[in-house]
Amino acid sequence: MARGMARIFKLMQEKPHYEAQSLARAAKTQLLTPKQAAQFLMVSERTVHRFVRERKLQCVQLSPKVRKFTQAQLDEFIASRSLPLPPKRIDKELTPGLPSPRKGGVKSSGGFERAQALKELRSWR
């Protein structure tokens, strides 16, 4: 880090002020190519371009054909796509007092037992 800062200070003395500032900014935020962004996200390059077209991923558009990405933009994309952790499962062995659910789910016929429904139908005759 110190070596990089020394290089920037040396360039600031040699070059005009505005170039040195842009070099200092470039040292802080490195721009990644679509290929590098695709490798970082573990997707194809076409998928990265599709995410940009669908406005899911932000980029630095240098020209109509040239796109670059900052690490902050990729981190923001990952954070927006991250899901919360699912609730923790309860193991039956650890909690023996809880009744286990019946296989096939709870069977219900809308509040009526079949036998009672048949009995009532017969009484209508």
Foldseek 3Di string as FASTA:
>chain_A
DVVLVVVLVVVCVVDPNVVSVVVVVCVVWPWAFLCVLCVVVVHDSVVSVVCVVVVLFDWDDPDPVGTIHTPVRSVVSVVVPDDDDDDDDDDCVVPVVDDDADPPGDDDDPPDDPVVVVVVVVVVD
